[in-house]
């Protein structure tokens, strides 16, 4: 007997997700758990979740553009984003809605075709602007209250992968993406 663990997403969220052509993410608290670690020499350390990385590669392969907008500037973030093949990175951008508007204009993707995932107050205007605004359970309560959807998984613990799977499911691409991993019978 096989356990049934596949998430069941609300119909209205799936409908919004079906139109998404651009996924935009915050970093700290979304792609990481939000903890800032520094070595004795002052070097910054970040832990990124491998589940999120594969999900982002799958979304990119499915034709959904991915971008990152973060208030902090970090060479570690730049390296991770580059390693994932994400072409659009905005660092040091406190006004995330303005950065999102610039990105949307450059890529010619309107708000209703954009998903934005964030966790804290600087993300709120971008979450509200996007066609699908998403937060994480470890995000600020006020942000969660105004998001269209809050993931089950926490930021830095598979939340991005959950959103990637949601987008792929809504666009009838999740089964195609997962089937090659089953191997031969």
N, C-alpha and C. Protein backbone atom coordinates (compact mmCIF):
# COMPACT_ATOMS: atom_id res chain seq x y z
N UNK A 1 0.84 -1.18 0.00
CA UNK A 1 0.00 0.00 0.00
C UNK A 1 0.88 1.24 0.00
N UNK A 2 0.53 2.23 -0.81
CA UNK A 2 1.29 3.46 -0.92
C UNK A 2 0.62 4.56 -0.10
N UNK A 3 1.39 5.26 0.69
CA UNK A 3 0.86 6.38 1.47
C UNK A 3 0.49 7.53 0.54
N UNK A 4 -0.56 8.25 0.86
CA UNK A 4 -0.96 9.41 0.09
C UNK A 4 -0.49 10.65 0.84
N UNK A 5 0.57 11.24 0.33
CA UNK A 5 1.15 12.41 0.99
C UNK A 5 1.10 13.66 0.12
N UNK A 6 0.63 13.53 -1.12
CA UNK A 6 0.59 14.67 -2.03
C UNK A 6 -0.33 15.75 -1.47
N UNK A 7 0.15 16.99 -1.45
CA UNK A 7 -0.69 18.08 -0.94
C UNK A 7 -1.95 18.28 -1.78
N UNK A 8 -2.97 18.77 -1.14
CA UNK A 8 -4.19 19.17 -1.84
C UNK A 8 -4.29 20.68 -1.68
N UNK A 9 -4.17 21.38 -2.81
CA UNK A 9 -4.20 22.84 -2.77
C UNK A 9 -5.61 23.34 -3.05
N UNK A 10 -5.99 24.47 -2.46
CA UNK A 10 -7.32 25.04 -2.71
C UNK A 10 -7.52 25.38 -4.19
N UNK A 11 -8.73 25.19 -4.68
CA UNK A 11 -9.03 25.41 -6.10
C UNK A 11 -8.73 26.84 -6.53
N UNK A 12 -9.02 27.83 -5.69
CA UNK A 12 -8.76 29.22 -6.08
C UNK A 12 -7.27 29.50 -6.21
N UNK A 13 -6.46 28.86 -5.39
CA UNK A 13 -5.01 29.03 -5.46
C UNK A 13 -4.47 28.34 -6.72
N UNK A 14 -4.97 27.16 -7.02
CA UNK A 14 -4.57 26.47 -8.25
C UNK A 14 -4.94 27.30 -9.48
N UNK A 15 -6.10 27.94 -9.46
CA UNK A 15 -6.52 28.77 -10.59
C UNK A 15 -5.56 29.94 -10.79
N UNK A 16 -5.16 30.59 -9.71
CA UNK A 16 -4.20 31.69 -9.81
C UNK A 16 -2.84 31.18 -10.29
N UNK A 17 -2.43 30.03 -9.74
CA UNK A 17 -1.12 29.46 -10.07
C UNK A 17 -1.04 29.02 -11.53
N UNK A 18 -2.17 28.68 -12.12
CA UNK A 18 -2.18 28.24 -13.52
C UNK A 18 -1.72 29.35 -14.46
N UNK A 19 -1.86 30.60 -14.05
CA UNK A 19 -1.51 31.74 -14.91
C UNK A 19 -0.08 32.25 -14.69
N UNK A 20 0.66 31.68 -13.75
CA UNK A 20 1.96 32.23 -13.36
C UNK A 20 3.02 31.92 -14.42
N UNK A 21 3.71 32.98 -14.84
CA UNK A 21 4.84 32.86 -15.78
C UNK A 21 6.15 33.33 -15.15
N UNK A 22 6.05 34.00 -13.98
CA UNK A 22 7.22 34.54 -13.30
C UNK A 22 7.09 34.27 -11.80
N UNK A 23 8.08 33.58 -11.24
CA UNK A 23 8.14 33.31 -9.80
C UNK A 23 9.26 34.16 -9.22
N UNK A 24 8.92 34.98 -8.23
CA UNK A 24 9.90 35.87 -7.59
C UNK A 24 9.98 35.52 -6.11
N UNK A 25 11.21 35.40 -5.61
CA UNK A 25 11.44 34.96 -4.24
C UNK A 25 12.28 35.95 -3.46
N UNK A 26 12.00 36.06 -2.17
CA UNK A 26 12.89 36.67 -1.21
C UNK A 26 13.91 35.60 -0.84
N UNK A 27 14.97 35.96 -0.13
CA UNK A 27 15.98 34.98 0.25
C UNK A 27 15.86 34.64 1.73
N UNK A 28 16.28 35.54 2.62
CA UNK A 28 16.33 35.24 4.05
C UNK A 28 14.92 35.06 4.60
N UNK A 29 14.66 33.88 5.14
CA UNK A 29 13.35 33.54 5.66
C UNK A 29 12.48 32.79 4.68
N UNK A 30 12.91 32.72 3.42
CA UNK A 30 12.17 32.01 2.38
C UNK A 30 13.05 30.91 1.78
N UNK A 31 14.16 31.30 1.19
CA UNK A 31 15.12 30.32 0.66
C UNK A 31 16.03 29.80 1.77
N UNK A 32 16.08 30.52 2.89
CA UNK A 32 16.80 30.09 4.09
C UNK A 32 15.82 30.17 5.25
N UNK A 33 16.23 29.71 6.42
CA UNK A 33 15.33 29.80 7.58
C UNK A 33 15.35 31.18 8.23
N UNK A 34 16.12 32.09 7.68
CA UNK A 34 16.17 33.46 8.19
C UNK A 34 17.27 33.70 9.20
N UNK A 35 17.96 32.66 9.59
CA UNK A 35 19.06 32.81 10.53
C UNK A 35 20.27 33.40 9.81
N UNK A 36 20.89 34.41 10.39
CA UNK A 36 22.12 34.97 9.85
C UNK A 36 23.28 34.47 10.69
N UNK A 37 24.20 33.76 10.07
CA UNK A 37 25.36 33.22 10.76
C UNK A 37 26.61 33.94 10.28
N UNK A 38 27.49 34.28 11.23
CA UNK A 38 28.75 34.93 10.89
C UNK A 38 29.88 34.20 11.57
N UNK A 39 30.96 34.00 10.84
CA UNK A 39 32.15 33.38 11.43
C UNK A 39 32.89 34.41 12.28
N UNK A 40 33.89 33.97 13.04
CA UNK A 40 34.67 34.88 13.87
C UNK A 40 35.37 35.94 13.03
N UNK A 41 35.67 35.60 11.78
CA UNK A 41 36.33 36.57 10.90
C UNK A 41 35.33 37.49 10.19
N UNK A 42 34.04 37.28 10.47
CA UNK A 42 33.02 38.15 9.89
C UNK A 42 32.40 37.63 8.61
N UNK A 43 32.82 36.45 8.16
CA UNK A 43 32.24 35.88 6.95
C UNK A 43 30.80 35.44 7.22
N UNK A 44 29.92 35.72 6.27
CA UNK A 44 28.52 35.33 6.39
C UNK A 44 28.34 33.91 5.89
N UNK A 45 27.48 33.16 6.57
CA UNK A 45 27.14 31.80 6.17
C UNK A 45 25.63 31.71 5.98
N UNK A 46 25.20 30.94 4.99
CA UNK A 46 23.77 30.72 4.75
C UNK A 46 23.56 29.25 4.44
N UNK A 47 22.43 28.72 4.86
CA UNK A 47 22.06 27.34 4.56
C UNK A 47 20.84 27.36 3.63
N UNK A 48 21.03 26.83 2.42
CA UNK A 48 19.96 26.72 1.44
C UNK A 48 19.48 25.28 1.39
N UNK A 49 18.17 25.08 1.20
CA UNK A 49 17.59 23.74 1.19
C UNK A 49 17.70 23.13 -0.20
N UNK A 50 18.23 21.92 -0.28
CA UNK A 50 18.43 21.23 -1.55
C UNK A 50 17.10 20.91 -2.24
N UNK A 51 16.03 20.66 -1.46
CA UNK A 51 14.72 20.42 -2.06
C UNK A 51 14.26 21.64 -2.86
N UNK A 52 14.48 22.81 -2.29
CA UNK A 52 14.10 24.04 -2.98
C UNK A 52 14.86 24.18 -4.30
N UNK A 53 16.15 23.85 -4.27
CA UNK A 53 16.98 23.98 -5.47
C UNK A 53 16.48 23.14 -6.62
N UNK A 54 16.14 21.89 -6.36
CA UNK A 54 15.63 21.03 -7.44
C UNK A 54 14.28 21.53 -7.93
N UNK A 55 13.44 21.96 -7.01
CA UNK A 55 12.14 22.51 -7.41
C UNK A 55 12.30 23.71 -8.33
N UNK A 56 13.24 24.58 -8.02
CA UNK A 56 13.47 25.75 -8.86
C UNK A 56 13.99 25.35 -10.25
N UNK A 57 14.85 24.35 -10.30
CA UNK A 57 15.32 23.86 -11.60
C UNK A 57 14.17 23.27 -12.41
N UNK A 58 13.25 22.57 -11.74
CA UNK A 58 12.10 22.00 -12.43
C UNK A 58 11.17 23.09 -12.97
N UNK A 59 10.96 24.13 -12.19
CA UNK A 59 10.11 25.24 -12.63
C UNK A 59 10.74 25.94 -13.83
N UNK A 60 12.04 26.19 -13.75
CA UNK A 60 12.74 26.80 -14.88
C UNK A 60 12.62 25.94 -16.13
N UNK A 61 12.81 24.63 -15.98
CA UNK A 61 12.71 23.72 -17.12
C UNK A 61 11.30 23.69 -17.70
N UNK A 62 10.31 23.99 -16.87
CA UNK A 62 8.92 24.01 -17.32
C UNK A 62 8.55 25.33 -18.01
N UNK A 63 9.49 26.27 -18.07
CA UNK A 63 9.26 27.52 -18.77
C UNK A 63 8.78 28.68 -17.91
N UNK A 64 8.81 28.51 -16.61
CA UNK A 64 8.46 29.61 -15.70
C UNK A 64 9.74 30.34 -15.34
N UNK A 65 9.77 31.63 -15.57
CA UNK A 65 10.95 32.44 -15.24
C UNK A 65 11.04 32.58 -13.72
N UNK A 66 12.24 32.62 -13.19
CA UNK A 66 12.45 32.77 -11.74
C UNK A 66 13.37 33.96 -11.50
N UNK A 67 13.06 34.72 -10.46
CA UNK A 67 13.89 35.86 -10.07
C UNK A 67 13.95 35.92 -8.55
N UNK A 68 14.95 36.63 -8.05
CA UNK A 68 15.14 36.80 -6.61
C UNK A 68 15.32 38.28 -6.32
N UNK A 69 14.58 38.75 -5.32
CA UNK A 69 14.71 40.13 -4.84
C UNK A 69 14.97 40.05 -3.35
N UNK A 70 16.10 40.60 -2.91
CA UNK A 70 16.47 40.53 -1.51
C UNK A 70 16.96 41.89 -1.01
N UNK A 71 16.67 42.17 0.24
CA UNK A 71 17.10 43.42 0.84
C UNK A 71 18.57 43.44 1.20
N UNK A 72 19.14 42.28 1.38
CA UNK A 72 20.56 42.16 1.75
C UNK A 72 21.38 41.88 0.49
N UNK A 73 22.66 42.20 0.57
CA UNK A 73 23.60 41.86 -0.49
C UNK A 73 24.56 40.82 0.05
N UNK A 74 24.71 39.72 -0.68
CA UNK A 74 25.54 38.63 -0.21
C UNK A 74 26.15 37.88 -1.37
N UNK A 75 27.47 37.68 -1.34
CA UNK A 75 28.10 36.87 -2.38
C UNK A 75 27.60 35.42 -2.34
N UNK A 76 27.22 34.93 -1.17
CA UNK A 76 26.68 33.57 -1.07
C UNK A 76 25.36 33.45 -1.82
N UNK A 77 24.51 34.45 -1.70
CA UNK A 77 23.24 34.46 -2.43
C UNK A 77 23.51 34.48 -3.92
N UNK A 78 24.42 35.33 -4.35
CA UNK A 78 24.75 35.41 -5.78
C UNK A 78 25.26 34.06 -6.29
N UNK A 79 26.07 33.40 -5.51
CA UNK A 79 26.59 32.09 -5.93
C UNK A 79 25.48 31.07 -6.05
N UNK A 80 24.59 31.01 -5.05
CA UNK A 80 23.50 30.04 -5.08
C UNK A 80 22.57 30.29 -6.26
N UNK A 81 22.24 31.54 -6.48
CA UNK A 81 21.33 31.89 -7.59
C UNK A 81 21.98 31.53 -8.92
N UNK A 82 23.25 31.81 -9.06
CA UNK A 82 23.98 31.46 -10.28
C UNK A 82 24.02 29.93 -10.46
N UNK A 83 24.30 29.20 -9.38
CA UNK A 83 24.35 27.74 -9.45
C UNK A 83 23.01 27.13 -9.90
N UNK A 84 21.92 27.79 -9.56
CA UNK A 84 20.60 27.29 -9.93
C UNK A 84 20.19 27.69 -11.34
N UNK A 85 20.96 28.57 -11.97
CA UNK A 85 20.61 29.01 -13.32
C UNK A 85 19.58 30.10 -13.36
N UNK A 86 19.39 30.79 -12.25
CA UNK A 86 18.45 31.91 -12.19
C UNK A 86 19.15 33.15 -12.72
N UNK A 87 18.54 33.79 -13.70
CA UNK A 87 19.19 34.91 -14.39
C UNK A 87 18.91 36.28 -13.80
N UNK A 88 17.92 36.37 -12.93
CA UNK A 88 17.50 37.68 -12.43
C UNK A 88 17.67 37.76 -10.92
N UNK A 89 18.63 38.55 -10.47
CA UNK A 89 18.92 38.73 -9.04
C UNK A 89 19.02 40.21 -8.74
N UNK A 90 18.20 40.65 -7.79
CA UNK A 90 18.21 42.03 -7.31
C UNK A 90 18.61 41.99 -5.84
N UNK A 91 19.80 42.45 -5.51
CA UNK A 91 20.27 42.47 -4.12
C UNK A 91 20.28 43.90 -3.60
N UNK A 92 20.15 44.04 -2.28
CA UNK A 92 20.18 45.36 -1.66
C UNK A 92 18.97 46.19 -2.00
N UNK A 93 17.83 45.54 -2.26
CA UNK A 93 16.61 46.25 -2.65
C UNK A 93 15.59 46.18 -1.52
N UNK A 94 15.52 47.22 -0.72
CA UNK A 94 14.56 47.27 0.38
C UNK A 94 13.13 47.46 -0.12
N UNK A 95 12.96 48.23 -1.20
CA UNK A 95 11.64 48.46 -1.77
C UNK A 95 11.38 47.36 -2.80
N UNK A 96 10.86 46.26 -2.33
CA UNK A 96 10.71 45.09 -3.18
C UNK A 96 9.61 45.24 -4.21
N UNK A 97 8.59 46.01 -3.90
CA UNK A 97 7.52 46.24 -4.89
C UNK A 97 8.08 46.99 -6.09
N UNK A 98 8.88 48.01 -5.86
CA UNK A 98 9.48 48.76 -6.96
C UNK A 98 10.38 47.86 -7.80
N UNK A 99 11.18 47.03 -7.13
CA UNK A 99 12.03 46.09 -7.86
C UNK A 99 11.18 45.11 -8.66
N UNK A 100 10.07 44.66 -8.08
CA UNK A 100 9.17 43.75 -8.79
C UNK A 100 8.56 44.43 -10.01
N UNK A 101 8.16 45.68 -9.86
CA UNK A 101 7.61 46.43 -10.99
C UNK A 101 8.63 46.58 -12.11
N UNK A 102 9.88 46.89 -11.76
CA UNK A 102 10.96 47.00 -12.75
C UNK A 102 11.16 45.68 -13.48
N UNK A 103 11.20 44.59 -12.73
CA UNK A 103 11.38 43.27 -13.31
C UNK A 103 10.21 42.91 -14.22
N UNK A 104 9.00 43.15 -13.77
CA UNK A 104 7.81 42.86 -14.57
C UNK A 104 7.81 43.63 -15.88
N UNK A 105 8.24 44.88 -15.81
CA UNK A 105 8.30 45.70 -17.02
C UNK A 105 9.38 45.18 -17.97
N UNK A 106 10.55 44.86 -17.44
CA UNK A 106 11.65 44.35 -18.26
C UNK A 106 11.27 43.04 -18.95
N UNK A 107 10.64 42.14 -18.20
CA UNK A 107 10.28 40.82 -18.74
C UNK A 107 8.92 40.82 -19.44
N UNK A 108 8.20 41.94 -19.34
CA UNK A 108 6.87 42.08 -19.92
C UNK A 108 5.92 41.00 -19.39
N UNK A 109 5.94 40.85 -18.07
CA UNK A 109 5.05 39.90 -17.38
C UNK A 109 4.19 40.70 -16.42
N UNK A 110 2.88 40.76 -16.67
CA UNK A 110 2.01 41.55 -15.79
C UNK A 110 1.83 40.89 -14.41
N UNK A 111 1.35 41.67 -13.48
CA UNK A 111 1.20 41.23 -12.09
C UNK A 111 0.40 39.94 -11.97
N UNK A 112 -0.67 39.81 -12.74
CA UNK A 112 -1.52 38.62 -12.61
C UNK A 112 -0.83 37.33 -13.05
N UNK A 113 0.31 37.46 -13.72
CA UNK A 113 1.09 36.29 -14.14
C UNK A 113 2.36 36.12 -13.30
N UNK A 114 2.38 36.80 -12.15
CA UNK A 114 3.55 36.79 -11.27
C UNK A 114 3.18 36.23 -9.90
N UNK A 115 4.05 35.37 -9.36
CA UNK A 115 3.93 34.92 -7.98
C UNK A 115 5.11 35.51 -7.21
N UNK A 116 4.85 35.98 -6.01
CA UNK A 116 5.91 36.51 -5.16
C UNK A 116 5.81 35.83 -3.80
N UNK A 117 6.97 35.36 -3.30
CA UNK A 117 7.01 34.68 -2.00
C UNK A 117 7.94 35.43 -1.06
N UNK A 118 7.40 35.85 0.08
CA UNK A 118 8.19 36.57 1.07
C UNK A 118 7.73 36.24 2.47
N UNK A 119 8.46 36.76 3.45
CA UNK A 119 8.18 36.40 4.84
C UNK A 119 8.02 37.56 5.80
N UNK A 120 8.45 38.77 5.40
CA UNK A 120 8.45 39.85 6.38
C UNK A 120 7.91 41.13 5.77
N UNK A 121 7.79 42.16 6.58
CA UNK A 121 7.13 43.40 6.17
C UNK A 121 7.69 44.02 4.89
N UNK A 122 9.01 44.01 4.63
CA UNK A 122 9.49 44.57 3.36
C UNK A 122 8.95 43.83 2.13
N UNK A 123 8.43 42.61 2.30
CA UNK A 123 7.87 41.83 1.20
C UNK A 123 6.39 42.09 0.96
N UNK A 124 5.73 42.71 1.91
CA UNK A 124 4.28 42.79 1.89
C UNK A 124 3.71 43.48 0.64
N UNK A 125 4.25 44.61 0.26
CA UNK A 125 3.71 45.31 -0.92
C UNK A 125 3.88 44.47 -2.18
N UNK A 126 4.99 43.74 -2.30
CA UNK A 126 5.20 42.87 -3.46
C UNK A 126 4.23 41.69 -3.42
N UNK A 127 4.00 41.12 -2.24
CA UNK A 127 3.05 40.02 -2.09
C UNK A 127 1.66 40.48 -2.52
N UNK A 128 1.27 41.66 -2.10
CA UNK A 128 -0.06 42.17 -2.44
C UNK A 128 -0.17 42.53 -3.92
N UNK A 129 0.93 42.94 -4.53
CA UNK A 129 0.92 43.33 -5.95
C UNK A 129 0.82 42.12 -6.88
N UNK A 130 1.43 41.03 -6.50
CA UNK A 130 1.51 39.86 -7.37
C UNK A 130 0.15 39.19 -7.55
N UNK A 131 0.01 38.48 -8.65
CA UNK A 131 -1.20 37.72 -8.91
C UNK A 131 -1.39 36.58 -7.92
N UNK A 132 -0.26 36.08 -7.38
CA UNK A 132 -0.28 35.06 -6.34
C UNK A 132 0.76 35.45 -5.29
N UNK A 133 0.30 35.94 -4.17
CA UNK A 133 1.19 36.35 -3.08
C UNK A 133 1.27 35.24 -2.05
N UNK A 134 2.50 34.81 -1.75
CA UNK A 134 2.71 33.64 -0.90
C UNK A 134 3.63 34.00 0.26
N UNK A 135 3.34 33.44 1.43
CA UNK A 135 4.20 33.57 2.59
C UNK A 135 4.49 32.19 3.15
N UNK A 136 5.24 32.18 4.24
CA UNK A 136 5.67 30.94 4.88
C UNK A 136 5.21 30.95 6.33
N UNK A 137 5.03 29.77 6.95
CA UNK A 137 4.51 29.74 8.32
C UNK A 137 5.44 30.38 9.35
N UNK A 138 6.73 30.49 9.03
CA UNK A 138 7.65 31.17 9.94
C UNK A 138 7.79 32.65 9.61
N UNK A 139 6.95 33.14 8.72
CA UNK A 139 6.93 34.56 8.39
C UNK A 139 6.17 35.36 9.44
N UNK A 140 6.26 36.66 9.33
CA UNK A 140 5.55 37.56 10.25
C UNK A 140 4.04 37.35 10.09
N UNK A 141 3.33 37.36 11.19
CA UNK A 141 1.89 37.09 11.18
C UNK A 141 1.12 38.05 10.27
N UNK A 142 1.52 39.31 10.24
CA UNK A 142 0.81 40.30 9.44
C UNK A 142 0.98 40.03 7.95
N UNK A 143 2.14 39.55 7.57
CA UNK A 143 2.40 39.20 6.18
C UNK A 143 1.59 37.97 5.81
N UNK A 144 1.60 36.97 6.68
CA UNK A 144 0.81 35.75 6.42
C UNK A 144 -0.67 36.10 6.26
N UNK A 145 -1.13 37.03 7.07
CA UNK A 145 -2.54 37.42 7.05
C UNK A 145 -2.93 38.04 5.70
N UNK A 146 -2.00 38.68 5.02
CA UNK A 146 -2.29 39.36 3.76
C UNK A 146 -1.86 38.59 2.52
N UNK A 147 -1.26 37.44 2.69
CA UNK A 147 -0.86 36.61 1.55
C UNK A 147 -2.06 35.82 1.04
N UNK A 148 -2.03 35.47 -0.23
CA UNK A 148 -3.08 34.62 -0.80
C UNK A 148 -2.95 33.19 -0.29
N UNK A 149 -1.70 32.77 -0.04
CA UNK A 149 -1.43 31.39 0.36
C UNK A 149 -0.23 31.38 1.29
N UNK A 150 -0.28 30.51 2.27
CA UNK A 150 0.84 30.28 3.18
C UNK A 150 1.22 28.81 3.07
N UNK A 151 2.48 28.55 2.76
CA UNK A 151 2.93 27.17 2.60
C UNK A 151 2.84 26.41 3.92
N UNK A 152 2.84 25.09 3.83
CA UNK A 152 2.90 24.25 5.03
C UNK A 152 4.34 24.16 5.51
N UNK A 153 5.27 24.04 4.57
CA UNK A 153 6.69 23.96 4.90
C UNK A 153 7.22 25.35 5.24
N UNK A 154 8.14 25.40 6.17
CA UNK A 154 8.74 26.66 6.59
C UNK A 154 9.79 27.14 5.59
N UNK A 155 10.07 28.42 5.64
CA UNK A 155 11.16 28.98 4.85
C UNK A 155 12.46 28.29 5.21
N UNK A 156 13.22 27.90 4.20
CA UNK A 156 14.47 27.20 4.42
C UNK A 156 14.29 25.72 4.68
N UNK A 157 13.04 25.25 4.69
CA UNK A 157 12.75 23.85 4.98
C UNK A 157 11.80 23.25 3.94
N UNK A 158 11.92 23.71 2.70
CA UNK A 158 11.11 23.16 1.62
C UNK A 158 9.94 23.99 1.18
N UNK A 159 9.78 25.20 1.69
CA UNK A 159 8.66 26.06 1.30
C UNK A 159 8.71 26.41 -0.18
N UNK A 160 9.89 26.73 -0.68
CA UNK A 160 10.03 27.07 -2.09
C UNK A 160 9.65 25.87 -2.95
N UNK A 161 10.09 24.67 -2.56
CA UNK A 161 9.75 23.46 -3.32
C UNK A 161 8.25 23.25 -3.33
N UNK A 162 7.60 23.49 -2.19
CA UNK A 162 6.14 23.36 -2.13
C UNK A 162 5.47 24.29 -3.14
N UNK A 163 5.94 25.52 -3.21
CA UNK A 163 5.37 26.47 -4.17
C UNK A 163 5.68 26.04 -5.60
N UNK A 164 6.88 25.54 -5.85
CA UNK A 164 7.22 25.05 -7.19
C UNK A 164 6.29 23.92 -7.60
N UNK A 165 6.07 22.97 -6.69
CA UNK A 165 5.16 21.86 -6.97
C UNK A 165 3.74 22.36 -7.23
N UNK A 166 3.30 23.34 -6.46
CA UNK A 166 1.97 23.92 -6.65
C UNK A 166 1.85 24.51 -8.06
N UNK A 167 2.85 25.29 -8.47
CA UNK A 167 2.82 25.89 -9.81
C UNK A 167 2.80 24.83 -10.89
N UNK A 168 3.64 23.81 -10.73
CA UNK A 168 3.70 22.74 -11.73
C UNK A 168 2.38 21.96 -11.78
N UNK A 169 1.79 21.69 -10.63
CA UNK A 169 0.49 21.00 -10.58
C UNK A 169 -0.58 21.83 -11.28
N UNK A 170 -0.64 23.10 -10.98
CA UNK A 170 -1.66 23.99 -11.56
C UNK A 170 -1.52 24.09 -13.08
N UNK A 171 -0.30 23.91 -13.56
CA UNK A 171 -0.05 24.01 -15.00
C UNK A 171 0.08 22.64 -15.66
N UNK A 172 -0.43 21.62 -14.99
CA UNK A 172 -0.46 20.24 -15.50
C UNK A 172 0.92 19.74 -15.92
N UNK A 173 1.95 20.09 -15.14
CA UNK A 173 3.31 19.65 -15.46
C UNK A 173 3.96 18.87 -14.32
N UNK A 174 3.31 18.74 -13.18
CA UNK A 174 3.94 18.08 -12.04
C UNK A 174 4.18 16.59 -12.30
N UNK A 175 3.19 15.89 -12.80
CA UNK A 175 3.35 14.44 -13.05
C UNK A 175 4.46 14.20 -14.06
N UNK A 176 4.52 15.00 -15.10
CA UNK A 176 5.57 14.86 -16.12
C UNK A 176 6.94 15.12 -15.52
N UNK A 177 7.01 16.05 -14.60
CA UNK A 177 8.27 16.39 -13.95
C UNK A 177 8.74 15.27 -13.00
N UNK A 178 7.80 14.63 -12.33
CA UNK A 178 8.15 13.63 -11.32
C UNK A 178 8.35 12.22 -11.88
N UNK A 179 7.64 11.87 -12.93
CA UNK A 179 7.66 10.52 -13.47
C UNK A 179 9.06 9.99 -13.79
N UNK A 180 9.96 10.77 -14.36
CA UNK A 180 11.30 10.22 -14.66
C UNK A 180 12.05 9.72 -13.43
N UNK A 181 11.68 10.17 -12.25
CA UNK A 181 12.36 9.74 -11.03
C UNK A 181 11.89 8.38 -10.51
N UNK A 182 10.82 7.85 -11.10
CA UNK A 182 10.31 6.56 -10.66
C UNK A 182 11.21 5.41 -11.11
N UNK A 183 11.95 5.61 -12.16
CA UNK A 183 12.83 4.54 -12.65
C UNK A 183 12.04 3.49 -13.40
N UNK A 184 12.69 2.41 -13.77
CA UNK A 184 12.05 1.32 -14.49
C UNK A 184 11.35 0.38 -13.52
N UNK A 185 10.18 -0.16 -13.95
CA UNK A 185 9.46 -1.09 -13.07
C UNK A 185 10.17 -2.42 -12.93
